[in-house]
Amino acid sequence: MARADLLKKLFSSFNNNDRESFLKTAHEIIADERKKNHAILADDLEMVLNGAQKSFGHSMSTMKPTYLSKSGKEERLVEIIYPDKYFDDVILPQEKMLQLSEVIKEFQNWDILISNGVAPINKLLFYGPPGCGKTLCANVLAAEIGIPLMYVRFDALVSSYLGETASNIRKVFDLAKSDSFVILFDEFDAIGRSRSDTSEHGEIKRVVNTFLQQIDCFRGRSIIIAATNFEQSLDYAIWRRFDDTIKFDLPSNEEKLNLFILRLKQFNGPAHVFESFLNETNSFSYADVENICKTIMRGCILNGKRTYSKKDIEFAVEKQKKLVSLRRSQY
């Protein structure tokens, strides 16, 4: 985050229409970010200042570690994302909000903690049922702090070649040292499975050992998040490597109603009616409620209206109930 004095100078020069002072201060901010080892942010600011046209998603083509597949095709191991979801965009229990806010506060006061011999919390394990906000909250942390999200792509990370998955894990951690990130290992059970599982071959032990070594040795100014729906399958030693663990449960009826109201705030309609359907949504996740809202919004948009009805709510709930029922019967 830019120093307060520089931000004040920047706004003051803009207000006074002092272009020379504005540019000088902007370059000072960029230089300040480089000193903090925020190379990606500094590059982005410089490109914006120079009027370069760039997409919202920052291109990391020159930095992303890659491996060659059997066909010789290059595949990215990570995606660099600039999230735009904040605390105001999510509904969570107060306890979870406080836990995440504490992580942000410690990251923002990183130097103060380090100078006093205390390391900030920067290794988190998110676990719980699918669709309950684990990935979303990783995005929220990145957005609130103001750093990119490094999303680790397991389809590219996990290789059928002996020893290559462990090598790919090392490449990801090597890249993570280049700047500050929220590093998300989603579907973490793919590489963190218990080494005592008799159904697994020796390769999984090599992979778990590599991850343990990398996370133990990592000293980057980043937050590492591992997210899983199958925490019971994780290796025992994995749990001890994380500073904090956060369980994401299915939403309460109050949280479902609040999420419904939040997502449909741009439309008019009897939001309170959704309350009468809550008893039919006992096994619904946050994502299921999101899908109900999206069904209602699509119907309104395609029919050229800004107001939804009780009938629209009923249709969306019944549609999602069928999907949830099918999901439960399959899994």
C-alpha atoms as a PDB file:
ATOM      1  CA  MET A   1       0.000   0.000   0.000  1.00  0.00           C
ATOM      2  CA  ALA A   2       1.332   3.435  -0.939  1.00  0.00           C
ATOM      3  CA  ARG A   3       2.558   5.700   1.864  1.00  0.00           C
ATOM      4  CA  ALA A   4       0.016   8.182   3.191  1.00  0.00           C
ATOM      5  CA  ASP A   5       2.239  11.189   2.480  1.00  0.00           C
ATOM      6  CA  LEU A   6       2.625  10.201  -1.171  1.00  0.00           C
ATOM      7  CA  LEU A   7      -1.098   9.655  -1.582  1.00  0.00           C
ATOM      8  CA  LYS A   8      -1.792  13.087  -0.122  1.00  0.00           C
ATOM      9  CA  LYS A   9       0.706  14.672  -2.545  1.00  0.00           C
ATOM     10  CA  LEU A  10      -0.865  12.800  -5.463  1.00  0.00           C
ATOM     11  CA  PHE A  11      -4.399  13.945  -4.657  1.00  0.00           C
ATOM     12  CA  SER A  12      -3.268  17.488  -3.936  1.00  0.00           C
ATOM     13  CA  SER A  13      -1.431  17.814  -7.259  1.00  0.00           C
ATOM     14  CA  PHE A  14      -4.458  16.429  -9.104  1.00  0.00           C
ATOM     15  CA  ASN A  15      -6.766  18.873  -7.331  1.00  0.00           C
ATOM     16  CA  ASN A  16      -4.430  21.755  -8.219  1.00  0.00           C
ATOM     17  CA  ASN A  17      -4.145  20.569 -11.815  1.00  0.00           C
ATOM     18  CA  ASP A  18      -0.360  20.380 -11.366  1.00  0.00           C
ATOM     19  CA  ARG A  19       0.582  17.780 -13.981  1.00  0.00           C
ATOM     20  CA  GLU A  20       4.321  17.913 -13.307  1.00  0.00           C
ATOM     21  CA  SER A  21       3.891  17.339  -9.567  1.00  0.00           C
ATOM     22  CA  PHE A  22       1.308  14.615 -10.239  1.00  0.00           C
ATOM     23  CA  LEU A  23       3.675  12.658 -12.498  1.00  0.00           C
ATOM     24  CA  LYS A  24       6.602  13.108 -10.128  1.00  0.00           C
ATOM     25  CA  THR A  25       4.563  11.815  -7.179  1.00  0.00           C
ATOM     26  CA  ALA A  26       3.219   8.921  -9.238  1.00  0.00           C
ATOM     27  CA  HIS A  27       6.774   7.852 -10.074  1.00  0.00           C
ATOM     28  CA  GLU A  28       7.679   8.114  -6.387  1.00  0.00           C
ATOM     29  CA  ILE A  29       4.810   5.764  -5.538  1.00  0.00           C
ATOM     30  CA  ILE A  30       5.980   3.305  -8.188  1.00  0.00           C
ATOM     31  CA  ALA A  31       9.528   3.435  -6.829  1.00  0.00           C
ATOM     32  CA  ASP A  32       8.208   2.943  -3.305  1.00  0.00           C
ATOM     33  CA  GLU A  33       6.297  -0.171  -4.382  1.00  0.00           C
ATOM     34  CA  ARG A  34       9.428  -1.586  -6.031  1.00  0.00           C
ATOM     35  CA  LYS A  35      11.351  -1.118  -2.778  1.00  0.00           C
ATOM     36  CA  LYS A  36       8.659  -3.193  -1.066  1.00  0.00           C
ATOM     37  CA  ASN A  37       9.249  -5.953  -3.637  1.00  0.00           C
ATOM     38  CA  HIS A  38       5.799  -5.348  -5.182  1.00  0.00           C
ATOM     39  CA  ALA A  39       7.164  -5.692  -8.705  1.00  0.00           C
ATOM     40  CA  ILE A  40       3.883  -6.662 -10.386  1.00  0.00           C
ATOM     41  CA  LEU A  41       1.956  -3.754  -8.853  1.00  0.00           C
ATOM     42  CA  ALA A  42       4.780  -1.350  -9.758  1.00  0.00           C
ATOM     43  CA  ASP A  43       4.749  -2.598 -13.366  1.00  0.00           C
ATOM     44  CA  ASP A  44       0.969  -2.209 -13.531  1.00  0.00           C
ATOM     45  CA  LEU A  45       1.103   1.353 -12.190  1.00  0.00           C
ATOM     46  CA  GLU A  46       3.842   2.246 -14.657  1.00  0.00           C
ATOM     47  CA  MET A  47       1.870   0.839 -17.595  1.00  0.00           C
ATOM     48  CA  VAL A  48      -1.248   2.755 -16.539  1.00  0.00           C
ATOM     49  CA  LEU A  49       0.769   5.935 -16.100  1.00  0.00           C
ATOM     50  CA  ASN A  50       2.305   5.530 -19.539  1.00  0.00           C
ATOM     51  CA  GLY A  51      -1.110   5.057 -21.080  1.00  0.00           C
ATOM     52  CA  ALA A  52      -0.484   1.426 -22.069  1.00  0.00           C
ATOM     53  CA  GLN A  53      -3.564  -0.565 -23.014  1.00  0.00           C
ATOM     54  CA  LYS A  54      -3.851  -3.749 -20.990  1.00  0.00           C
ATOM     55  CA  SER A  55      -6.522  -6.223 -20.012  1.00  0.00           C
ATOM     56  CA  PHE A  56      -7.885  -6.409 -16.471  1.00  0.00           C
ATOM     57  CA  GLY A  57      -6.168  -9.731 -15.883  1.00  0.00           C
ATOM     58  CA  HIS A  58      -2.452  -9.048 -15.672  1.00  0.00           C
ATOM     59  CA  SER A  59      -0.415 -10.949 -18.252  1.00  0.00           C
ATOM     60  CA  MET A  60       2.268 -13.041 -16.624  1.00  0.00           C
ATOM     61  CA  SER A  61       3.410 -14.773 -19.794  1.00  0.00           C
ATOM     62  CA  THR A  62       7.046 -13.898 -19.175  1.00  0.00           C
ATOM     63  CA  MET A  63       6.972 -14.975 -15.529  1.00  0.00           C
ATOM     64  CA  LYS A  64       4.770 -18.048 -15.319  1.00  0.00           C
ATOM     65  CA  PRO A  65       6.644 -21.289 -14.824  1.00  0.00           C
ATOM     66  CA  THR A  66       5.556 -23.921 -17.309  1.00  0.00           C
ATOM     67  CA  TYR A  67       6.129 -27.550 -18.026  1.00  0.00           C
ATOM     68  CA  LEU A  68       5.925 -29.397 -21.321  1.00  0.00           C
ATOM     69  CA  SER A  69       3.174 -31.950 -21.685  1.00  0.00           C
ATOM     70  CA  LYS A  70       3.686 -35.159 -23.609  1.00  0.00           C
ATOM     71  CA  SER A  71       2.471 -33.453 -26.775  1.00  0.00           C
ATOM     72  CA  GLY A  72       4.969 -30.632 -26.267  1.00  0.00           C
ATOM     73  CA  LYS A  73       2.270 -28.080 -25.474  1.00  0.00           C
ATOM     74  CA  GLU A  74       3.045 -25.503 -22.786  1.00  0.00           C
ATOM     75  CA  GLU A  75       0.589 -25.242 -19.907  1.00  0.00           C
ATOM     76  CA  ARG A  76       0.466 -22.574 -17.225  1.00  0.00           C
ATOM     77  CA  LEU A  77       0.855 -23.768 -13.671  1.00  0.00           C
ATOM     78  CA  VAL A  78      -0.840 -20.685 -12.205  1.00  0.00           C
ATOM     79  CA  GLU A  79      -3.264 -17.937 -13.127  1.00  0.00           C
ATOM     80  CA  ILE A  80      -2.689 -14.418 -11.768  1.00  0.00           C
ATOM     81  CA  ILE A  81      -6.019 -12.777 -10.932  1.00  0.00           C
ATOM     82  CA  TYR A  82      -6.937  -9.335  -9.610  1.00  0.00           C
ATOM     83  CA  PRO A  83     -10.143 -10.038  -7.620  1.00  0.00           C
ATOM     84  CA  ASP A  84     -12.954  -7.515  -7.298  1.00  0.00           C
ATOM     85  CA  LYS A  85     -14.924  -9.132  -4.460  1.00  0.00           C
ATOM     86  CA  TYR A  86     -14.811  -7.491  -1.034  1.00  0.00           C
ATOM     87  CA  PHE A  87     -16.339  -8.082   2.400  1.00  0.00           C
ATOM     88  CA  ASP A  88     -19.416  -6.143   1.303  1.00  0.00           C
ATOM     89  CA  ASP A  89     -20.005  -8.792  -1.378  1.00  0.00           C
ATOM     90  CA  VAL A  90     -20.131 -11.803   0.946  1.00  0.00           C
ATOM     91  CA  ILE A  91     -22.354 -13.124   3.706  1.00  0.00           C
ATOM     92  CA  LEU A  92     -20.474 -14.965   6.431  1.00  0.00           C
ATOM     93  CA  PRO A  93     -20.838 -15.614  10.166  1.00  0.00           C
ATOM     94  CA  GLN A  94     -19.318 -12.856  12.294  1.00  0.00           C
ATOM     95  CA  GLU A  95     -16.697 -15.277  13.607  1.00  0.00           C
ATOM     96  CA  LYS A  96     -15.351 -15.907  10.081  1.00  0.00           C
ATOM     97  CA  MET A  97     -15.345 -12.199   9.296  1.00  0.00           C
ATOM     98  CA  LEU A  98     -13.257 -11.535  12.394  1.00  0.00           C
ATOM     99  CA  GLN A  99     -10.789 -14.308  11.523  1.00  0.00           C
ATOM    100  CA  LEU A 100     -10.293 -12.988   8.003  1.00  0.00           C
ATOM    101  CA  SER A 101     -10.072  -9.371   9.203  1.00  0.00           C
ATOM    102  CA  GLU A 102      -7.316 -10.393  11.609  1.00  0.00           C
ATOM    103  CA  VAL A 103      -5.334 -11.965   8.755  1.00  0.00           C
ATOM    104  CA  ILE A 104      -5.633  -8.721   6.778  1.00  0.00           C
ATOM    105  CA  LYS A 105      -4.618  -6.604   9.766  1.00  0.00           C
ATOM    106  CA  GLU A 106      -1.531  -8.726  10.401  1.00  0.00           C
ATOM    107  CA  PHE A 107      -0.521  -8.606   6.729  1.00  0.00           C
ATOM    108  CA  GLN A 108      -0.866  -4.824   6.680  1.00  0.00           C
ATOM    109  CA  ASN A 109       1.340  -4.619   9.781  1.00  0.00           C
ATOM    110  CA  TRP A 110       3.827  -7.224   8.565  1.00  0.00           C
ATOM    111  CA  ASP A 111       6.967  -5.153   9.219  1.00  0.00           C
ATOM    112  CA  ILE A 112       5.860  -4.169  12.730  1.00  0.00           C
ATOM    113  CA  LEU A 113       5.270  -7.796  13.695  1.00  0.00           C
ATOM    114  CA  ILE A 114       8.537  -8.998  12.157  1.00  0.00           C
ATOM    115  CA  SER A 115      10.536  -6.241  13.860  1.00  0.00           C
ATOM    116  CA  ASN A 116       9.129  -7.460  17.177  1.00  0.00           C
ATOM    117  CA  GLY A 117      10.080 -11.061  16.494  1.00  0.00           C
ATOM    118  CA  VAL A 118       6.550 -12.303  15.718  1.00  0.00           C
ATOM    119  CA  ALA A 119       5.587 -13.727  12.329  1.00  0.00           C
ATOM    120  CA  PRO A 120       2.174 -12.745  10.939  1.00  0.00           C
ATOM    121  CA  ILE A 121      -0.421 -15.406  10.177  1.00  0.00           C
ATOM    122  CA  ASN A 122       0.119 -16.218   6.507  1.00  0.00           C
ATOM    123  CA  LYS A 123      -0.582 -19.942   6.090  1.00  0.00           C
ATOM    124  CA  LEU A 124      -4.268 -20.854   6.175  1.00  0.00           C
ATOM    125  CA  LEU A 125      -6.260 -24.038   5.644  1.00  0.00           C
ATOM    126  CA  PHE A 126      -9.855 -23.556   4.481  1.00  0.00           C
ATOM    127  CA  TYR A 127     -12.040 -26.660   4.733  1.00  0.00           C
ATOM    128  CA  GLY A 128     -15.694 -27.622   4.595  1.00  0.00           C
ATOM    129  CA  PRO A 129     -18.454 -28.577   2.129  1.00  0.00           C
ATOM    130  CA  PRO A 130     -18.295 -27.314  -1.475  1.00  0.00           C
ATOM    131  CA  GLY A 131     -20.000 -24.041  -2.311  1.00  0.00           C
ATOM    132  CA  CYS A 132     -19.537 -22.491   1.140  1.00  0.00           C
ATOM    133  CA  GLY A 133     -17.149 -19.650   0.332  1.00  0.00           C
ATOM    134  CA  LYS A 134     -13.605 -21.024   0.556  1.00  0.00           C
ATOM    135  CA  THR A 135     -12.476 -19.854  -2.892  1.00  0.00           C
ATOM    136  CA  LEU A 136     -14.510 -16.658  -2.657  1.00  0.00           C
ATOM    137  CA  CYS A 137     -12.900 -15.700   0.655  1.00  0.00           C
ATOM    138  CA  ALA A 138      -9.432 -16.218  -0.802  1.00  0.00           C
ATOM    139  CA  ASN A 139     -10.437 -13.704  -3.484  1.00  0.00           C
ATOM    140  CA  VAL A 140     -11.800 -11.333  -0.830  1.00  0.00           C
ATOM    141  CA  LEU A 141      -8.532 -11.443   1.130  1.00  0.00           C
ATOM    142  CA  ALA A 142      -6.546 -10.552  -1.993  1.00  0.00           C
ATOM    143  CA  ALA A 143      -8.916  -7.723  -2.924  1.00  0.00           C
ATOM    144  CA  GLU A 144      -9.055  -6.232   0.587  1.00  0.00           C
ATOM    145  CA  ILE A 145      -5.256  -6.302   0.933  1.00  0.00           C
ATOM    146  CA  GLY A 146      -4.718  -5.075  -2.639  1.00  0.00           C
ATOM    147  CA  ILE A 147      -2.468  -7.848  -3.966  1.00  0.00           C
ATOM    148  CA  PRO A 148      -2.991 -10.369  -6.792  1.00  0.00           C
ATOM    149  CA  LEU A 149      -4.425 -13.834  -6.296  1.00  0.00           C
ATOM    150  CA  MET A 150      -2.184 -16.615  -7.575  1.00  0.00           C
ATOM    151  CA  TYR A 151      -4.524 -19.475  -8.442  1.00  0.00           C
ATOM    152  CA  VAL A 152      -2.659 -22.776  -8.705  1.00  0.00           C
ATOM    153  CA  ARG A 153      -4.037 -24.866 -11.564  1.00  0.00           C
ATOM    154  CA  PHE A 154      -4.086 -28.484 -10.484  1.00  0.00           C
ATOM    155  CA  ASP A 155      -4.944 -29.700 -13.971  1.00  0.00           C
ATOM    156  CA  ALA A 156      -1.455 -28.515 -14.968  1.00  0.00           C
ATOM    157  CA  LEU A 157       0.296 -29.052 -11.626  1.00  0.00           C
ATOM    158  CA  VAL A 158      -0.470 -32.758 -11.261  1.00  0.00           C
ATOM    159  CA  SER A 159       1.451 -34.808 -13.808  1.00  0.00           C
ATOM    160  CA  SER A 160       1.399 -38.478 -14.704  1.00  0.00           C
ATOM    161  CA  TYR A 161       5.193 -38.393 -15.100  1.00  0.00           C
ATOM    162  CA  LEU A 162       7.163 -39.666 -12.135  1.00  0.00           C
ATOM    163  CA  GLY A 163       8.576 -36.818 -10.057  1.00  0.00           C
ATOM    164  CA  GLU A 164       7.134 -34.048 -12.208  1.00  0.00           C
ATOM    165  CA  THR A 165       4.319 -33.009  -9.840  1.00  0.00           C
ATOM    166  CA  ALA A 166       6.876 -32.380  -7.072  1.00  0.00           C
ATOM    167  CA  SER A 167       8.977 -30.369  -9.540  1.00  0.00           C
ATOM    168  CA  ASN A 168       5.937 -28.287 -10.499  1.00  0.00           C
ATOM    169  CA  ILE A 169       5.224 -27.504  -6.838  1.00  0.00           C
ATOM    170  CA  ARG A 170       8.760 -26.150  -6.467  1.00  0.00           C
ATOM    171  CA  LYS A 171       8.239 -23.949  -9.554  1.00  0.00           C
ATOM    172  CA  VAL A 172       5.082 -22.439  -8.056  1.00  0.00           C
ATOM    173  CA  PHE A 173       6.859 -21.549  -4.807  1.00  0.00           C
ATOM    174  CA  ASP A 174       9.807 -20.135  -6.755  1.00  0.00           C
ATOM    175  CA  LEU A 175       7.448 -17.819  -8.644  1.00  0.00           C
ATOM    176  CA  ALA A 176       5.706 -16.834  -5.412  1.00  0.00           C
ATOM    177  CA  LYS A 177       8.977 -15.346  -4.141  1.00  0.00           C
ATOM    178  CA  SER A 178       8.865 -12.686  -6.907  1.00  0.00           C
ATOM    179  CA  ASP A 179       6.109 -10.578  -5.318  1.00  0.00           C
ATOM    180  CA  SER A 180       3.305 -10.507  -2.752  1.00  0.00           C
ATOM    181  CA  PHE A 181       0.331 -12.761  -3.498  1.00  0.00           C
ATOM    182  CA  VAL A 182      -2.542 -14.613  -1.972  1.00  0.00           C
ATOM    183  CA  ILE A 183      -1.570 -18.086  -3.198  1.00  0.00           C
ATOM    184  CA  LEU A 184      -4.565 -20.420  -3.501  1.00  0.00           C
ATOM    185  CA  PHE A 185      -4.115 -24.178  -3.671  1.00  0.00           C
ATOM    186  CA  ASP A 186      -7.729 -25.090  -4.420  1.00  0.00           C
ATOM    187  CA  GLU A 187      -8.832 -28.755  -4.282  1.00  0.00           C
ATOM    188  CA  PHE A 188      -5.767 -29.188  -2.094  1.00  0.00           C
ATOM    189  CA  ASP A 189      -6.499 -32.827  -1.279  1.00  0.00           C
ATOM    190  CA  ALA A 190      -5.183 -33.627  -4.780  1.00  0.00           C
ATOM    191  CA  ILE A 191      -1.621 -33.166  -3.488  1.00  0.00           C
ATOM    192  CA  GLY A 192      -2.046 -33.277   0.294  1.00  0.00           C
ATOM    193  CA  ARG A 193      -3.429 -36.781   0.729  1.00  0.00           C
ATOM    194  CA  SER A 194      -2.310 -38.911   3.648  1.00  0.00           C
ATOM    195  CA  ARG A 195       0.930 -40.766   3.039  1.00  0.00           C
ATOM    196  CA  SER A 196      -0.417 -43.674   5.110  1.00  0.00           C
ATOM    197  CA  ASP A 197      -3.206 -44.331   2.592  1.00  0.00           C
ATOM    198  CA  THR A 198      -2.525 -47.863   1.317  1.00  0.00           C
ATOM    199  CA  SER A 199      -4.375 -47.136  -1.933  1.00  0.00           C
ATOM    200  CA  GLU A 200      -1.804 -44.512  -2.896  1.00  0.00           C
ATOM    201  CA  HIS A 201       1.524 -45.274  -4.568  1.00  0.00           C
ATOM    202  CA  GLY A 202       4.931 -43.912  -3.616  1.00  0.00           C
ATOM    203  CA  GLU A 203       4.587 -40.802  -5.781  1.00  0.00           C
ATOM    204  CA  ILE A 204       2.050 -39.184  -3.425  1.00  0.00           C
ATOM    205  CA  LYS A 205       4.588 -39.452  -0.584  1.00  0.00           C
ATOM    206  CA  ARG A 206       7.130 -37.612  -2.726  1.00  0.00           C
ATOM    207  CA  VAL A 207       4.563 -34.906  -3.525  1.00  0.00           C
ATOM    208  CA  VAL A 208       3.490 -34.408   0.107  1.00  0.00           C
ATOM    209  CA  ASN A 209       7.116 -34.300   1.272  1.00  0.00           C
ATOM    210  CA  THR A 210       7.913 -31.675  -1.366  1.00  0.00           C
ATOM    211  CA  PHE A 211       4.984 -29.499  -0.327  1.00  0.00           C
ATOM    212  CA  LEU A 212       5.945 -29.758   3.349  1.00  0.00           C
ATOM    213  CA  GLN A 213       9.532 -28.759   2.552  1.00  0.00           C
ATOM    214  CA  GLN A 214       8.449 -25.820   0.376  1.00  0.00           C
ATOM    215  CA  ILE A 215       5.946 -24.406   2.849  1.00  0.00           C
ATOM    216  CA  ASP A 216       8.456 -24.775   5.717  1.00  0.00           C
ATOM    217  CA  CYS A 217      11.150 -22.902   3.779  1.00  0.00           C
ATOM    218  CA  PHE A 218       8.914 -20.235   2.223  1.00  0.00           C
ATOM    219  CA  ARG A 219       9.772 -16.721   3.432  1.00  0.00           C
ATOM    220  CA  GLY A 220       7.862 -14.664   0.894  1.00  0.00           C
ATOM    221  CA  ARG A 221       5.603 -11.769   1.846  1.00  0.00           C
ATOM    222  CA  SER A 222       2.494 -13.652   0.783  1.00  0.00           C
ATOM    223  CA  ILE A 223      -0.490 -15.514   2.197  1.00  0.00           C
ATOM    224  CA  ILE A 224      -0.738 -19.223   1.375  1.00  0.00           C
ATOM    225  CA  ILE A 225      -4.225 -20.742   1.388  1.00  0.00           C
ATOM    226  CA  ALA A 226      -5.020 -24.420   0.894  1.00  0.00           C
ATOM    227  CA  ALA A 227      -8.713 -25.189   0.352  1.00  0.00           C
ATOM    228  CA  THR A 228     -10.323 -28.618   0.447  1.00  0.00           C
ATOM    229  CA  ASN A 229     -13.724 -30.305   0.623  1.00  0.00           C
ATOM    230  CA  PHE A 230     -12.115 -33.509   1.928  1.00  0.00           C
ATOM    231  CA  GLU A 231     -10.133 -32.501   5.001  1.00  0.00           C
ATOM    232  CA  GLN A 232     -10.331 -36.050   6.382  1.00  0.00           C
ATOM    233  CA  SER A 233      -8.071 -37.251   3.556  1.00  0.00           C
ATOM    234  CA  LEU A 234      -5.225 -34.822   4.329  1.00  0.00           C
ATOM    235  CA  ASP A 235      -1.923 -35.995   5.732  1.00  0.00           C
ATOM    236  CA  TYR A 236      -1.602 -35.396   9.482  1.00  0.00           C
ATOM    237  CA  ALA A 237       1.631 -33.440   9.062  1.00  0.00           C
ATOM    238  CA  ILE A 238      -0.107 -31.016   6.668  1.00  0.00           C
ATOM    239  CA  TRP A 239      -2.361 -29.665   9.417  1.00  0.00           C
ATOM    240  CA  ARG A 240       0.578 -28.643  11.597  1.00  0.00           C
ATOM    241  CA  ARG A 241       2.064 -26.473   8.842  1.00  0.00           C
ATOM    242  CA  PHE A 242      -0.802 -23.967   8.880  1.00  0.00           C
ATOM    243  CA  ASP A 243      -0.997 -20.996  11.250  1.00  0.00           C
ATOM    244  CA  ASP A 244      -4.788 -21.162  11.335  1.00  0.00           C
ATOM    245  CA  THR A 245      -7.593 -23.366  10.032  1.00  0.00           C
ATOM    246  CA  ILE A 246     -11.017 -22.038   9.126  1.00  0.00           C
ATOM    247  CA  LYS A 247     -14.037 -24.296   8.698  1.00  0.00           C
ATOM    248  CA  PHE A 248     -16.688 -23.165   6.225  1.00  0.00           C
ATOM    249  CA  ASP A 249     -20.095 -24.614   7.098  1.00  0.00           C
ATOM    250  CA  LEU A 250     -23.411 -24.622   5.267  1.00  0.00           C
ATOM    251  CA  PRO A 251     -25.243 -21.301   5.750  1.00  0.00           C
ATOM    252  CA  SER A 252     -27.899 -20.755   8.394  1.00  0.00           C
ATOM    253  CA  ASN A 253     -31.399 -19.734   7.300  1.00  0.00           C
ATOM    254  CA  GLU A 254     -30.603 -16.143   8.275  1.00  0.00           C
ATOM    255  CA  GLU A 255     -27.473 -16.164   6.117  1.00  0.00           C
ATOM    256  CA  LYS A 256     -29.394 -17.640   3.162  1.00  0.00           C
ATOM    257  CA  LEU A 257     -31.998 -14.888   3.417  1.00  0.00           C
ATOM    258  CA  ASN A 258     -29.350 -12.161   3.750  1.00  0.00           C
ATOM    259  CA  LEU A 259     -27.487 -13.524   0.727  1.00  0.00           C
ATOM    260  CA  PHE A 260     -30.722 -13.641  -1.290  1.00  0.00           C
ATOM    261  CA  ILE A 261     -31.441  -9.997  -0.439  1.00  0.00           C
ATOM    262  CA  LEU A 262     -27.841  -8.935  -1.201  1.00  0.00           C
ATOM    263  CA  ARG A 263     -27.696 -10.598  -4.621  1.00  0.00           C
ATOM    264  CA  LEU A 264     -31.094  -9.284  -5.734  1.00  0.00           C
ATOM    265  CA  LYS A 265     -30.653  -5.732  -4.421  1.00  0.00           C
ATOM    266  CA  GLN A 266     -30.675  -4.320  -7.978  1.00  0.00           C
ATOM    267  CA  PHE A 267     -34.120  -5.802  -8.609  1.00  0.00           C
ATOM    268  CA  ASN A 268     -37.475  -5.110  -7.025  1.00  0.00           C
ATOM    269  CA  GLY A 269     -39.555  -7.884  -5.560  1.00  0.00           C
ATOM    270  CA  PRO A 270     -40.905  -9.594  -2.437  1.00  0.00           C
ATOM    271  CA  ALA A 271     -37.562 -10.744  -0.989  1.00  0.00           C
ATOM    272  CA  HIS A 272     -39.279 -11.671   2.275  1.00  0.00           C
ATOM    273  CA  VAL A 273     -41.194 -14.387   0.390  1.00  0.00           C
ATOM    274  CA  PHE A 274     -37.973 -16.385   0.107  1.00  0.00           C
ATOM    275  CA  GLU A 275     -38.175 -16.868   3.881  1.00  0.00           C
ATOM    276  CA  SER A 276     -41.176 -19.161   3.429  1.00  0.00           C
ATOM    277  CA  PHE A 277     -39.027 -21.508   1.304  1.00  0.00           C
ATOM    278  CA  LEU A 278     -36.117 -21.774   3.750  1.00  0.00           C
ATOM    279  CA  ASN A 279     -37.327 -25.038   5.281  1.00  0.00           C
ATOM    280  CA  GLU A 280     -36.983 -26.592   1.823  1.00  0.00           C
ATOM    281  CA  THR A 281     -33.323 -25.561   1.571  1.00  0.00           C
ATOM    282  CA  ASN A 282     -31.789 -27.430   4.538  1.00  0.00           C
ATOM    283  CA  SER A 283     -28.890 -28.882   2.539  1.00  0.00           C
ATOM    284  CA  PHE A 284     -28.316 -25.794   0.375  1.00  0.00           C
ATOM    285  CA  SER A 285     -24.890 -24.163   0.261  1.00  0.00           C
ATOM    286  CA  TYR A 286     -24.142 -20.492  -0.362  1.00  0.00           C
ATOM    287  CA  ALA A 287     -23.547 -21.422  -4.009  1.00  0.00           C
ATOM    288  CA  ASP A 288     -27.019 -22.972  -4.233  1.00  0.00           C
ATOM    289  CA  VAL A 289     -28.609 -19.731  -3.000  1.00  0.00           C
ATOM    290  CA  GLU A 290     -26.462 -17.836  -5.518  1.00  0.00           C
ATOM    291  CA  ASN A 291     -27.841 -20.078  -8.275  1.00  0.00           C
ATOM    292  CA  ILE A 292     -31.409 -19.348  -7.174  1.00  0.00           C
ATOM    293  CA  CYS A 293     -30.684 -15.626  -7.439  1.00  0.00           C
ATOM    294  CA  LYS A 294     -29.052 -16.030 -10.860  1.00  0.00           C
ATOM    295  CA  THR A 295     -32.086 -17.956 -12.159  1.00  0.00           C
ATOM    296  CA  ILE A 296     -34.379 -15.148 -10.997  1.00  0.00           C
ATOM    297  CA  MET A 297     -32.110 -12.446 -12.463  1.00  0.00           C
ATOM    298  CA  ARG A 298     -31.833 -14.204 -15.835  1.00  0.00           C
ATOM    299  CA  GLY A 299     -35.607 -14.519 -16.009  1.00  0.00           C
ATOM    300  CA  CYS A 300     -36.093 -10.827 -15.241  1.00  0.00           C
ATOM    301  CA  ILE A 301     -33.453  -9.681 -17.727  1.00  0.00           C
ATOM    302  CA  LEU A 302     -34.681 -11.879 -20.587  1.00  0.00           C
ATOM    303  CA  ASN A 303     -38.277 -10.783 -19.998  1.00  0.00           C
ATOM    304  CA  GLY A 304     -37.332  -7.112 -19.807  1.00  0.00           C
ATOM    305  CA  LYS A 305     -38.484  -6.524 -16.241  1.00  0.00           C
ATOM    306  CA  ARG A 306     -36.861  -5.230 -13.063  1.00  0.00           C
ATOM    307  CA  THR A 307     -39.329  -6.804 -10.642  1.00  0.00           C
ATOM    308  CA  TYR A 308     -39.486 -10.485  -9.721  1.00  0.00           C
ATOM    309  CA  SER A 309     -42.511 -12.251  -8.268  1.00  0.00           C
ATOM    310  CA  LYS A 310     -43.294 -15.023  -5.803  1.00  0.00           C
ATOM    311  CA  LYS A 311     -43.753 -17.306  -8.790  1.00  0.00           C
ATOM    312  CA  ASP A 312     -40.197 -16.506  -9.966  1.00  0.00           C
ATOM    313  CA  ILE A 313     -38.824 -17.406  -6.514  1.00  0.00           C
ATOM    314  CA  GLU A 314     -40.787 -20.646  -6.411  1.00  0.00           C
ATOM    315  CA  PHE A 315     -39.572 -21.669  -9.881  1.00  0.00           C
ATOM    316  CA  ALA A 316     -35.931 -20.937  -9.002  1.00  0.00           C
ATOM    317  CA  VAL A 317     -36.103 -22.801  -5.678  1.00  0.00           C
ATOM    318  CA  GLU A 318     -37.715 -25.878  -7.252  1.00  0.00           C
ATOM    319  CA  LYS A 319     -35.129 -25.904 -10.031  1.00  0.00           C
ATOM    320  CA  GLN A 320     -32.247 -25.773  -7.538  1.00  0.00           C
ATOM    321  CA  LYS A 321     -33.872 -28.430  -5.322  1.00  0.00           C
ATOM    322  CA  LYS A 322     -33.762 -30.866  -8.235  1.00  0.00           C
ATOM    323  CA  LEU A 323     -30.078 -30.128  -8.834  1.00  0.00           C
ATOM    324  CA  VAL A 324     -29.244 -30.554  -5.142  1.00  0.00           C
ATOM    325  CA  SER A 325     -31.218 -33.798  -4.985  1.00  0.00           C
ATOM    326  CA  LEU A 326     -29.381 -35.142  -8.030  1.00  0.00           C
ATOM    327  CA  ARG A 327     -26.031 -34.116  -6.542  1.00  0.00           C
ATOM    328  CA  ARG A 328     -26.762 -35.885  -3.261  1.00  0.00           C
ATOM    329  CA  SER A 329     -27.901 -39.068  -5.006  1.00  0.00           C
ATOM    330  CA  GLN A 330     -24.705 -39.154  -7.072  1.00  0.00           C
ATOM    331  CA  TYR A 331     -22.292 -38.429  -4.245  1.00  0.00           C
END
